[in-house]
PDB file of N, CA and C in Angstrom:
ATOM      1  N   MET A   1      79.386  68.080  41.371  1.00  0.00           N
ATOM      2  CA  MET A   1      78.684  68.471  42.581  1.00  0.00           C
ATOM      3  C   MET A   1      78.321  69.950  42.520  1.00  0.00           C
ATOM      4  N   GLY A   2      79.260  70.782  42.132  1.00  0.00           N
ATOM      5  CA  GLY A   2      78.997  72.219  42.058  1.00  0.00           C
ATOM      6  C   GLY A   2      77.901  72.549  41.061  1.00  0.00           C
ATOM      7  N   TYR A   3      77.886  71.835  39.930  1.00  0.00           N
ATOM      8  CA  TYR A   3      76.859  72.077  38.927  1.00  0.00           C
ATOM      9  C   TYR A   3      75.476  71.744  39.466  1.00  0.00           C
ATOM     10  N   ALA A   4      75.359  70.636  40.198  1.00  0.00           N
ATOM     11  CA  ALA A   4      74.061  70.251  40.764  1.00  0.00           C
ATOM     12  C   ALA A   4      73.591  71.267  41.797  1.00  0.00           C
ATOM     13  N   LEU A   5      74.519  71.804  42.606  1.00  0.00           N
ATOM     14  CA  LEU A   5      74.146  72.844  43.569  1.00  0.00           C
ATOM     15  C   LEU A   5      73.686  74.108  42.851  1.00  0.00           C
ATOM     16  N   ASP A   6      74.416  74.496  41.802  1.00  0.00           N
ATOM     17  CA  ASP A   6      74.012  75.680  41.030  1.00  0.00           C
ATOM     18  C   ASP A   6      72.636  75.486  40.411  1.00  0.00           C
ATOM     19  N   GLN A   7      72.387  74.295  39.899  1.00  0.00           N
ATOM     20  CA  GLN A   7      71.093  74.004  39.283  1.00  0.00           C
ATOM     21  C   GLN A   7      69.969  74.067  40.321  1.00  0.00           C
ATOM     22  N   PHE A   8      70.188  73.481  41.499  1.00  0.00           N
ATOM     23  CA  PHE A   8      69.180  73.541  42.560  1.00  0.00           C
ATOM     24  C   PHE A   8      68.937  74.988  42.967  1.00  0.00           C
ATOM     25  N   HIS A   9      70.002  75.772  43.085  1.00  0.00           N
ATOM     26  CA  HIS A   9      69.872  77.175  43.495  1.00  0.00           C
ATOM     27  C   HIS A   9      69.099  77.978  42.451  1.00  0.00           C
ATOM     28  N   ARG A  10      69.349  77.733  41.182  1.00  0.00           N
ATOM     29  CA  ARG A  10      68.617  78.449  40.128  1.00  0.00           C
ATOM     30  C   ARG A  10      67.128  78.114  40.167  1.00  0.00           C
ATOM     31  N   ARG A  11      66.794  76.859  40.437  1.00  0.00           N
ATOM     32  CA  ARG A  11      65.383  76.454  40.454  1.00  0.00           C
ATOM     33  C   ARG A  11      64.637  76.955  41.682  1.00  0.00           C
ATOM     34  N   HIS A  12      65.289  76.926  42.854  1.00  0.00           N
ATOM     35  CA  HIS A  12      64.601  77.205  44.109  1.00  0.00           C
ATOM     36  C   HIS A  12      65.007  78.516  44.778  1.00  0.00           C
ATOM     37  N   LEU A  13      66.039  79.183  44.232  1.00  0.00           N
ATOM     38  CA  LEU A  13      66.549  80.451  44.777  1.00  0.00           C
ATOM     39  C   LEU A  13      66.994  80.317  46.235  1.00  0.00           C
ATOM     40  N   ARG A  14      67.498  79.143  46.586  1.00  0.00           N
ATOM     41  CA  ARG A  14      68.042  78.892  47.921  1.00  0.00           C
ATOM     42  C   ARG A  14      68.895  77.642  47.842  1.00  0.00           C
ATOM     43  N   THR A  15      69.637  77.385  48.906  1.00  0.00           N
ATOM     44  CA  THR A  15      70.425  76.157  48.964  1.00  0.00           C
ATOM     45  C   THR A  15      69.576  75.047  49.573  1.00  0.00           C
ATOM     46  N   PRO A  16      69.921  73.798  49.316  1.00  0.00           N
ATOM     47  CA  PRO A  16      69.127  72.704  49.874  1.00  0.00           C
ATOM     48  C   PRO A  16      69.273  72.608  51.384  1.00  0.00           C
ATOM     49  N   THR A  17      68.199  72.230  52.035  1.00  0.00           N
ATOM     50  CA  THR A  17      68.229  72.036  53.481  1.00  0.00           C
ATOM     51  C   THR A  17      68.805  70.655  53.794  1.00  0.00           C
ATOM     52  N   LEU A  18      69.156  70.451  55.037  1.00  0.00           N
ATOM     53  CA  LEU A  18      69.683  69.165  55.461  1.00  0.00           C
ATOM     54  C   LEU A  18      68.648  68.068  55.249  1.00  0.00           C
ATOM     55  N   ARG A  19      67.398  68.365  55.539  1.00  0.00           N
ATOM     56  CA  ARG A  19      66.327  67.386  55.332  1.00  0.00           C
ATOM     57  C   ARG A  19      66.239  66.968  53.866  1.00  0.00           C
ATOM     58  N   GLU A  20      66.362  67.939  52.956  1.00  0.00           N
ATOM     59  CA  GLU A  20      66.309  67.622  51.532  1.00  0.00           C
ATOM     60  C   GLU A  20      67.530  66.802  51.102  1.00  0.00           C
ATOM     61  N   LEU A  21      68.697  67.138  51.647  1.00  0.00           N
ATOM     62  CA  LEU A  21      69.900  66.381  51.305  1.00  0.00           C
ATOM     63  C   LEU A  21      69.797  64.939  51.786  1.00  0.00           C
ATOM     64  N   LYS A  22      69.237  64.746  52.978  1.00  0.00           N
ATOM     65  CA  LYS A  22      69.090  63.379  53.502  1.00  0.00           C
ATOM     66  C   LYS A  22      68.057  62.592  52.705  1.00  0.00           C
ATOM     67  N   ALA A  23      67.022  63.260  52.202  1.00  0.00           N
ATOM     68  CA  ALA A  23      65.990  62.586  51.412  1.00  0.00           C
ATOM     69  C   ALA A  23      66.494  62.255  50.010  1.00  0.00           C
ATOM     70  N   GLY A  24      67.449  63.032  49.527  1.00  0.00           N
ATOM     71  CA  GLY A  24      68.014  62.799  48.202  1.00  0.00           C
ATOM     72  C   GLY A  24      67.515  63.812  47.196  1.00  0.00           C
ATOM     73  N   ILE A  25      68.442  64.355  46.446  1.00  0.00           N
ATOM     74  CA  ILE A  25      68.138  65.349  45.414  1.00  0.00           C
ATOM     75  C   ILE A  25      68.800  64.863  44.134  1.00  0.00           C
ATOM     76  N   GLY A  26      68.042  64.885  43.050  1.00  0.00           N
ATOM     77  CA  GLY A  26      68.592  64.453  41.773  1.00  0.00           C
ATOM     78  C   GLY A  26      69.816  65.263  41.393  1.00  0.00           C
ATOM     79  N   GLY A  27      70.879  64.572  40.997  1.00  0.00           N
ATOM     80  CA  GLY A  27      72.106  65.242  40.592  1.00  0.00           C
ATOM     81  C   GLY A  27      73.132  65.356  41.707  1.00  0.00           C
ATOM     82  N   LEU A  28      72.681  65.369  42.941  1.00  0.00           N
ATOM     83  CA  LEU A  28      73.609  65.447  44.071  1.00  0.00           C
ATOM     84  C   LEU A  28      73.873  64.050  44.611  1.00  0.00           C
ATOM     85  N   PRO A  29      75.066  63.822  45.140  1.00  0.00           N
ATOM     86  CA  PRO A  29      75.329  62.507  45.736  1.00  0.00           C
ATOM     87  C   PRO A  29      74.531  62.321  47.018  1.00  0.00           C
ATOM     88  N   SER A  30      74.534  61.117  47.528  1.00  0.00           N
ATOM     89  CA  SER A  30      73.790  60.831  48.761  1.00  0.00           C
ATOM     90  C   SER A  30      74.401  61.587  49.934  1.00  0.00           C
ATOM     91  N   TYR A  31      73.633  61.697  51.013  1.00  0.00           N
ATOM     92  CA  TYR A  31      74.108  62.409  52.197  1.00  0.00           C
ATOM     93  C   TYR A  31      75.345  61.731  52.788  1.00  0.00           C
ATOM     94  N   GLY A  32      75.395  60.407  52.734  1.00  0.00           N
ATOM     95  CA  GLY A  32      76.571  59.691  53.228  1.00  0.00           C
ATOM     96  C   GLY A  32      77.830  60.061  52.454  1.00  0.00           C
ATOM     97  N   THR A  33      77.709  60.204  51.148  1.00  0.00           N
ATOM     98  CA  THR A  33      78.845  60.614  50.324  1.00  0.00           C
ATOM     99  C   THR A  33      79.253  62.045  50.633  1.00  0.00           C
ATOM    100  N   ILE A  34      78.275  62.916  50.839  1.00  0.00           N
ATOM    101  CA  ILE A  34      78.574  64.315  51.196  1.00  0.00           C
ATOM    102  C   ILE A  34      79.344  64.349  52.509  1.00  0.00           C
ATOM    103  N   LYS A  35      78.892  63.576  53.496  1.00  0.00           N
ATOM    104  CA  LYS A  35      79.592  63.535  54.788  1.00  0.00           C
ATOM    105  C   LYS A  35      81.008  62.981  54.633  1.00  0.00           C
ATOM    106  N   ARG A  36      81.181  61.967  53.799  1.00  0.00           N
ATOM    107  CA  ARG A  36      82.499  61.372  53.611  1.00  0.00           C
ATOM    108  C   ARG A  36      83.445  62.341  52.895  1.00  0.00           C
ATOM    109  N   MET A  37      82.929  63.081  51.914  1.00  0.00           N
ATOM    110  CA  MET A  37      83.782  63.980  51.131  1.00  0.00           C
ATOM    111  C   MET A  37      84.081  65.293  51.843  1.00  0.00           C
ATOM    112  N   TYR A  38      83.082  65.859  52.549  1.00  0.00           N
ATOM    113  CA  TYR A  38      83.213  67.203  53.112  1.00  0.00           C
ATOM    114  C   TYR A  38      83.154  67.240  54.640  1.00  0.00           C
ATOM    115  N   GLY A  39      82.600  66.246  55.274  1.00  0.00           N
ATOM    116  CA  GLY A  39      82.445  66.257  56.725  1.00  0.00           C
ATOM    117  C   GLY A  39      81.061  66.707  57.142  1.00  0.00           C
ATOM    118  N   THR A  40      80.603  67.843  56.618  1.00  0.00           N
ATOM    119  CA  THR A  40      79.263  68.355  56.905  1.00  0.00           C
ATOM    120  C   THR A  40      78.683  68.977  55.635  1.00  0.00           C
ATOM    121  N   SER A  41      77.385  69.153  55.633  1.00  0.00           N
ATOM    122  CA  SER A  41      76.757  69.794  54.473  1.00  0.00           C
ATOM    123  C   SER A  41      77.128  71.275  54.407  1.00  0.00           C
ATOM    124  N   SER A  42      77.362  71.906  55.545  1.00  0.00           N
ATOM    125  CA  SER A  42      77.761  73.316  55.554  1.00  0.00           C
ATOM    126  C   SER A  42      79.121  73.513  54.895  1.00  0.00           C
ATOM    127  N   ARG A  43      80.032  72.587  55.146  1.00  0.00           N
ATOM    128  CA  ARG A  43      81.348  72.677  54.495  1.00  0.00           C
ATOM    129  C   ARG A  43      81.225  72.507  52.989  1.00  0.00           C
ATOM    130  N   MET A  44      80.303  71.641  52.559  1.00  0.00           N
ATOM    131  CA  MET A  44      80.082  71.460  51.133  1.00  0.00           C
ATOM    132  C   MET A  44      79.591  72.765  50.504  1.00  0.00           C
ATOM    133  N   LEU A  45      78.607  73.386  51.158  1.00  0.00           N
ATOM    134  CA  LEU A  45      78.067  74.639  50.619  1.00  0.00           C
ATOM    135  C   LEU A  45      79.139  75.724  50.582  1.00  0.00           C
ATOM    136  N   ALA A  46      79.918  75.846  51.655  1.00  0.00           N
ATOM    137  CA  ALA A  46      80.969  76.861  51.721  1.00  0.00           C
ATOM    138  C   ALA A  46      82.043  76.606  50.658  1.00  0.00           C
ATOM    139  N   ARG A  47      82.389  75.360  50.452  1.00  0.00           N
ATOM    140  CA  ARG A  47      83.427  75.011  49.476  1.00  0.00           C
ATOM    141  C   ARG A  47      83.026  75.406  48.069  1.00  0.00           C
ATOM    142  N   HIS A  48      81.723  75.374  47.784  1.00  0.00           N
ATOM    143  CA  HIS A  48      81.238  75.723  46.451  1.00  0.00           C
ATOM    144  C   HIS A  48      80.737  77.161  46.371  1.00  0.00           C
ATOM    145  N   GLY A  49      81.058  77.970  47.382  1.00  0.00           N
ATOM    146  CA  GLY A  49      80.779  79.404  47.307  1.00  0.00           C
ATOM    147  C   GLY A  49      79.424  79.848  47.813  1.00  0.00           C
ATOM    148  N   TYR A  50      78.701  79.004  48.524  1.00  0.00           N
ATOM    149  CA  TYR A  50      77.391  79.379  49.053  1.00  0.00           C
ATOM    150  C   TYR A  50      77.497  79.722  50.530  1.00  0.00           C
ATOM    151  N   ARG A  51      76.617  80.576  50.981  1.00  0.00           N
ATOM    152  CA  ARG A  51      76.569  80.917  52.397  1.00  0.00           C
ATOM    153  C   ARG A  51      75.979  79.757  53.177  1.00  0.00           C
ATOM    154  N   THR A  52      76.513  79.552  54.366  1.00  0.00           N
ATOM    155  CA  THR A  52      75.980  78.497  55.224  1.00  0.00           C
ATOM    156  C   THR A  52      74.954  79.093  56.167  1.00  0.00           C
ATOM    157  N   ARG A  53      74.101  78.248  56.687  1.00  0.00           N
ATOM    158  CA  ARG A  53      73.050  78.722  57.584  1.00  0.00           C
ATOM    159  C   ARG A  53      73.185  78.058  58.940  1.00  0.00           C
ATOM    160  N   ARG A  54      72.663  78.721  59.940  1.00  0.00           N
ATOM    161  CA  ARG A  54      72.574  78.118  61.265  1.00  0.00           C
ATOM    162  C   ARG A  54      71.506  77.033  61.209  1.00  0.00           C
ATOM    163  N   PRO A  55      71.503  76.091  62.144  1.00  0.00           N
ATOM    164  CA  PRO A  55      70.462  75.061  62.132  1.00  0.00           C
ATOM    165  C   PRO A  55      69.060  75.683  62.171  1.00  0.00           C
ATOM    166  N   GLY A  56      68.244  75.360  61.189  1.00  0.00           N
ATOM    167  CA  GLY A  56      66.873  75.852  61.136  1.00  0.00           C
ATOM    168  C   GLY A  56      66.716  77.230  60.541  1.00  0.00           C
ATOM    169  N   ALA A  57      67.790  77.827  60.043  1.00  0.00           N
ATOM    170  CA  ALA A  57      67.716  79.201  59.538  1.00  0.00           C
ATOM    171  C   ALA A  57      67.948  79.229  58.036  1.00  0.00           C
ATOM    172  N   GLN A  58      67.422  80.233  57.402  1.00  0.00           N
ATOM    173  CA  GLN A  58      67.657  80.484  55.989  1.00  0.00           C
ATOM    174  C   GLN A  58      68.326  81.847  55.879  1.00  0.00           C
ATOM    175  N   PRO A  59      69.522  81.964  55.251  1.00  0.00           N
ATOM    176  CA  PRO A  59      70.189  83.258  55.145  1.00  0.00           C
ATOM    177  C   PRO A  59      69.296  84.287  54.465  1.00  0.00           C
ATOM    178  N   GLY A  60      69.278  85.467  54.997  1.00  0.00           N
ATOM    179  CA  GLY A  60      68.499  86.550  54.418  1.00  0.00           C
ATOM    180  C   GLY A  60      67.075  86.629  54.911  1.00  0.00           C
ATOM    181  N   ALA A  61      66.614  85.657  55.681  1.00  0.00           N
ATOM    182  CA  ALA A  61      65.250  85.697  56.207  1.00  0.00           C
ATOM    183  C   ALA A  61      65.170  86.735  57.319  1.00  0.00           C
ATOM    184  N   VAL A  62      64.153  87.556  57.272  1.00  0.00           N
ATOM    185  CA  VAL A  62      63.979  88.613  58.253  1.00  0.00           C
ATOM    186  C   VAL A  62      63.135  88.085  59.408  1.00  0.00           C
ATOM    187  N   LEU A  63      63.603  88.305  60.610  1.00  0.00           N
ATOM    188  CA  LEU A  63      62.860  87.892  61.795  1.00  0.00           C
ATOM    189  C   LEU A  63      61.802  88.955  62.086  1.00  0.00           C
ATOM    190  N   ARG A  64      60.564  88.541  62.124  1.00  0.00           N
ATOM    191  CA  ARG A  64      59.469  89.461  62.416  1.00  0.00           C
ATOM    192  C   ARG A  64      58.928  89.131  63.802  1.00  0.00           C
ATOM    193  N   VAL A  65      59.087  90.056  64.720  1.00  0.00           N
ATOM    194  CA  VAL A  65      58.627  89.854  66.087  1.00  0.00           C
ATOM    195  C   VAL A  65      57.286  90.541  66.240  1.00  0.00           C
ATOM    196  N   LYS A  66      56.314  89.802  66.757  1.00  0.00           N
ATOM    197  CA  LYS A  66      54.983  90.371  66.943  1.00  0.00           C
ATOM    198  C   LYS A  66      54.993  91.304  68.150  1.00  0.00           C
ATOM    199  N   ARG A  67      54.060  92.228  68.130  1.00  0.00           N
ATOM    200  CA  ARG A  67      53.941  93.168  69.243  1.00  0.00           C
ATOM    201  C   ARG A  67      53.429  92.444  70.476  1.00  0.00           C
ATOM    202  N   ARG A  68      53.872  92.921  71.641  1.00  0.00           N
ATOM    203  CA  ARG A  68      53.441  92.330  72.905  1.00  0.00           C
ATOM    204  C   ARG A  68      52.981  93.429  73.857  1.00  0.00           C
ATOM    205  N   ASP A  69      52.141  93.037  74.793  1.00  0.00           N
ATOM    206  CA  ASP A  69      51.688  93.996  75.797  1.00  0.00           C
ATOM    207  C   ASP A  69      52.699  94.039  76.949  1.00  0.00           C
ATOM    208  N   SER A  70      52.387  94.772  78.004  1.00  0.00           N
ATOM    209  CA  SER A  70      53.328  94.950  79.107  1.00  0.00           C
ATOM    210  C   SER A  70      53.605  93.661  79.878  1.00  0.00           C
ATOM    211  N   GLN A  71      52.706  92.679  79.759  1.00  0.00           N
ATOM    212  CA  GLN A  71      52.905  91.398  80.445  1.00  0.00           C
ATOM    213  C   GLN A  71      53.565  90.355  79.543  1.00  0.00           C
ATOM    214  N   GLY A  72      53.925  90.743  78.314  1.00  0.00           N
ATOM    215  CA  GLY A  72      54.613  89.838  77.400  1.00  0.00           C
ATOM    216  C   GLY A  72      53.714  89.007  76.527  1.00  0.00           C
ATOM    217  N   ARG A  73      52.380  89.245  76.597  1.00  0.00           N
ATOM    218  CA  ARG A  73      51.466  88.491  75.737  1.00  0.00           C
ATOM    219  C   ARG A  73      51.413  89.102  74.350  1.00  0.00           C
ATOM    220  N   PHE A  74      51.229  88.240  73.337  1.00  0.00           N
ATOM    221  CA  PHE A  74      51.137  88.746  71.964  1.00  0.00           C
ATOM    222  C   PHE A  74      49.836  89.523  71.775  1.00  0.00           C
ATOM    223  N   LEU A  75      49.928  90.602  71.007  1.00  0.00           N
ATOM    224  CA  LEU A  75      48.758  91.426  70.704  1.00  0.00           C
ATOM    225  C   LEU A  75      48.209  91.024  69.328  1.00  0.00           C
ATOM    226  N   PRO A  76      46.893  91.144  69.136  1.00  0.00           N
ATOM    227  CA  PRO A  76      46.322  90.829  67.813  1.00  0.00           C
ATOM    228  C   PRO A  76      46.767  91.856  66.798  1.00  0.00           C
ATOM    229  N   ASN A  77      46.750  91.465  65.543  1.00  0.00           N
ATOM    230  CA  ASN A  77      47.177  92.387  64.459  1.00  0.00           C
ATOM    231  C   ASN A  77      46.170  93.459  64.222  1.00  0.00           C
TER     232      ASN A  77
END
């Protein structure tokens, strides 16, 4: 399992998302097996030394907030 995660990380420079795990990734067991062995996909990632992410987030991604006017509307770039 750890080898498949390392291989995915080397190819994509990130950990697999939950959607990708549910769809199936070559080398990794099915999502049902991951849930049975670890409980959650986050526990699997943490157990193998990877950072976990909040739902919908990617670690290291910078949040870019657009400028707004005094009424809270977005301003054009």
